[in-house]
């Protein structure tokens, strides 16, 4: 009596499933880590660009000086609200 006719196909299919599972266990974490690192690098570059633009705009508009360097910070103008005069008729 030999092996059943279903043993070889089932064994091959099980082997392929194990190989696929091992590949997924190896590949998906690498792919996820690579994607997260790319996102963090992109966010860092965008943040640096925003900070650079904000600093250049602040410098162009005569923004506040650097307190740590000892430069004076210009005072903000004081806004005084004077309500309109109403007359009672």
C-alpha atoms as a PDB file:
ATOM      1  CA  UNK A   1       0.000   0.000   0.000  1.00  0.00           C
ATOM      2  CA  UNK A   2       1.522   3.310  -1.030  1.00  0.00           C
ATOM      3  CA  UNK A   3       0.839   6.861  -0.032  1.00  0.00           C
ATOM      4  CA  UNK A   4      -2.647   8.196  -0.647  1.00  0.00           C
ATOM      5  CA  UNK A   5      -3.099  10.171  -3.856  1.00  0.00           C
ATOM      6  CA  UNK A   6      -3.844  13.354  -1.967  1.00  0.00           C
ATOM      7  CA  UNK A   7      -0.673  13.349   0.176  1.00  0.00           C
ATOM      8  CA  UNK A   8       1.722  14.886  -2.351  1.00  0.00           C
ATOM      9  CA  UNK A   9      -0.564  17.780  -3.460  1.00  0.00           C
ATOM     10  CA  UNK A  10      -1.469  18.567   0.145  1.00  0.00           C
ATOM     11  CA  UNK A  11       2.200  18.496   1.154  1.00  0.00           C
ATOM     12  CA  UNK A  12       3.186  20.798  -1.707  1.00  0.00           C
ATOM     13  CA  UNK A  13       0.338  23.190  -0.894  1.00  0.00           C
ATOM     14  CA  UNK A  14       1.288  23.194   2.807  1.00  0.00           C
ATOM     15  CA  UNK A  15       4.910  23.895   1.904  1.00  0.00           C
ATOM     16  CA  UNK A  16       3.885  26.815  -0.308  1.00  0.00           C
ATOM     17  CA  UNK A  17       1.677  28.183   2.481  1.00  0.00           C
ATOM     18  CA  UNK A  18       4.547  28.002   4.963  1.00  0.00           C
ATOM     19  CA  UNK A  19       6.906  29.730   2.524  1.00  0.00           C
ATOM     20  CA  UNK A  20       4.322  32.469   1.844  1.00  0.00           C
ATOM     21  CA  UNK A  21       3.688  32.976   5.554  1.00  0.00           C
ATOM     22  CA  UNK A  22       7.418  33.232   6.255  1.00  0.00           C
ATOM     23  CA  UNK A  23       7.790  35.754   3.416  1.00  0.00           C
ATOM     24  CA  UNK A  24       4.901  37.868   4.720  1.00  0.00           C
ATOM     25  CA  UNK A  25       6.311  37.760   8.257  1.00  0.00           C
ATOM     26  CA  UNK A  26       9.638  38.963   6.889  1.00  0.00           C
ATOM     27  CA  UNK A  27       8.464  41.468   4.254  1.00  0.00           C
ATOM     28  CA  UNK A  28       5.506  43.326   5.835  1.00  0.00           C
ATOM     29  CA  UNK A  29       7.408  44.675   8.886  1.00  0.00           C
ATOM     30  CA  UNK A  30      10.235  45.863   6.630  1.00  0.00           C
ATOM     31  CA  UNK A  31       7.765  47.559   4.304  1.00  0.00           C
ATOM     32  CA  UNK A  32       5.901  49.174   7.218  1.00  0.00           C
ATOM     33  CA  UNK A  33       9.121  50.444   8.803  1.00  0.00           C
ATOM     34  CA  UNK A  34      10.359  51.833   5.498  1.00  0.00           C
ATOM     35  CA  UNK A  35       7.057  53.626   4.915  1.00  0.00           C
ATOM     36  CA  UNK A  36       6.974  55.087   8.421  1.00  0.00           C
ATOM     37  CA  UNK A  37      10.556  56.325   8.059  1.00  0.00           C
ATOM     38  CA  UNK A  38       9.733  57.926   4.710  1.00  0.00           C
ATOM     39  CA  UNK A  39       6.714  59.676   6.293  1.00  0.00           C
ATOM     40  CA  UNK A  40       8.788  60.943   9.216  1.00  0.00           C
ATOM     41  CA  UNK A  41      11.464  62.248   6.832  1.00  0.00           C
ATOM     42  CA  UNK A  42       8.818  64.005   4.730  1.00  0.00           C
ATOM     43  CA  UNK A  43       7.172  65.560   7.813  1.00  0.00           C
ATOM     44  CA  UNK A  44      10.553  66.746   9.109  1.00  0.00           C
ATOM     45  CA  UNK A  45      11.372  68.329   5.740  1.00  0.00           C
ATOM     46  CA  UNK A  46       7.976  70.054   5.598  1.00  0.00           C
ATOM     47  CA  UNK A  47       8.371  71.336   9.169  1.00  0.00           C
ATOM     48  CA  UNK A  48      11.847  72.690   8.399  1.00  0.00           C
ATOM     49  CA  UNK A  49      10.480  74.408   5.288  1.00  0.00           C
ATOM     50  CA  UNK A  50       7.611  75.970   7.283  1.00  0.00           C
ATOM     51  CA  UNK A  51      10.005  77.182   9.969  1.00  0.00           C
ATOM     52  CA  UNK A  52      12.357  78.597   7.327  1.00  0.00           C
ATOM     53  CA  UNK A  53       9.494  80.459   5.639  1.00  0.00           C
ATOM     54  CA  UNK A  54       8.186  81.759   8.970  1.00  0.00           C
ATOM     55  CA  UNK A  55      11.649  82.980   9.938  1.00  0.00           C
ATOM     56  CA  UNK A  56      12.161  84.734   6.603  1.00  0.00           C
ATOM     57  CA  UNK A  57       8.726  86.378   6.804  1.00  0.00           C
ATOM     58  CA  UNK A  58       9.353  87.436  10.374  1.00  0.00           C
ATOM     59  CA  UNK A  59      12.726  88.883   9.406  1.00  0.00           C
ATOM     60  CA  UNK A  60      11.252  90.672   6.379  1.00  0.00           C
ATOM     61  CA  UNK A  61       8.470  92.193   8.488  1.00  0.00           C
ATOM     62  CA  UNK A  62      10.811  93.376  11.215  1.00  0.00           C
ATOM     63  CA  UNK A  63       9.655  90.725  13.608  1.00  0.00           C
ATOM     64  CA  UNK A  64      10.822  90.215  17.146  1.00  0.00           C
ATOM     65  CA  UNK A  65      14.504  89.989  17.777  1.00  0.00           C
ATOM     66  CA  UNK A  66      16.354  87.108  19.285  1.00  0.00           C
ATOM     67  CA  UNK A  67      16.071  87.300  23.067  1.00  0.00           C
ATOM     68  CA  UNK A  68      18.908  84.836  23.636  1.00  0.00           C
ATOM     69  CA  UNK A  69      21.248  86.921  21.492  1.00  0.00           C
ATOM     70  CA  UNK A  70      20.323  90.060  23.438  1.00  0.00           C
ATOM     71  CA  UNK A  71      18.519  91.812  20.619  1.00  0.00           C
ATOM     72  CA  UNK A  72      15.644  94.052  21.551  1.00  0.00           C
ATOM     73  CA  UNK A  73      12.110  92.968  20.865  1.00  0.00           C
ATOM     74  CA  UNK A  74      10.019  95.802  19.431  1.00  0.00           C
ATOM     75  CA  UNK A  75       6.976  96.651  21.491  1.00  0.00           C
ATOM     76  CA  UNK A  76       3.585  95.898  20.061  1.00  0.00           C
ATOM     77  CA  UNK A  77       1.385  98.936  19.413  1.00  0.00           C
ATOM     78  CA  UNK A  78      -1.365  99.375  21.963  1.00  0.00           C
ATOM     79  CA  UNK A  79      -4.836  99.409  20.451  1.00  0.00           C
ATOM     80  CA  UNK A  80      -7.266 101.735  22.139  1.00  0.00           C
ATOM     81  CA  UNK A  81     -10.919 101.397  21.306  1.00  0.00           C
ATOM     82  CA  UNK A  82     -12.968 104.524  21.349  1.00  0.00           C
ATOM     83  CA  UNK A  83     -16.639 103.832  20.833  1.00  0.00           C
ATOM     84  CA  UNK A  84     -18.546 106.149  18.558  1.00  0.00           C
ATOM     85  CA  UNK A  85     -20.517 108.945  20.195  1.00  0.00           C
ATOM     86  CA  UNK A  86     -24.216 108.315  20.155  1.00  0.00           C
ATOM     87  CA  UNK A  87     -26.699 111.071  20.545  1.00  0.00           C
ATOM     88  CA  UNK A  88     -30.091 110.506  22.022  1.00  0.00           C
ATOM     89  CA  UNK A  89     -32.827 112.129  20.023  1.00  0.00           C
END
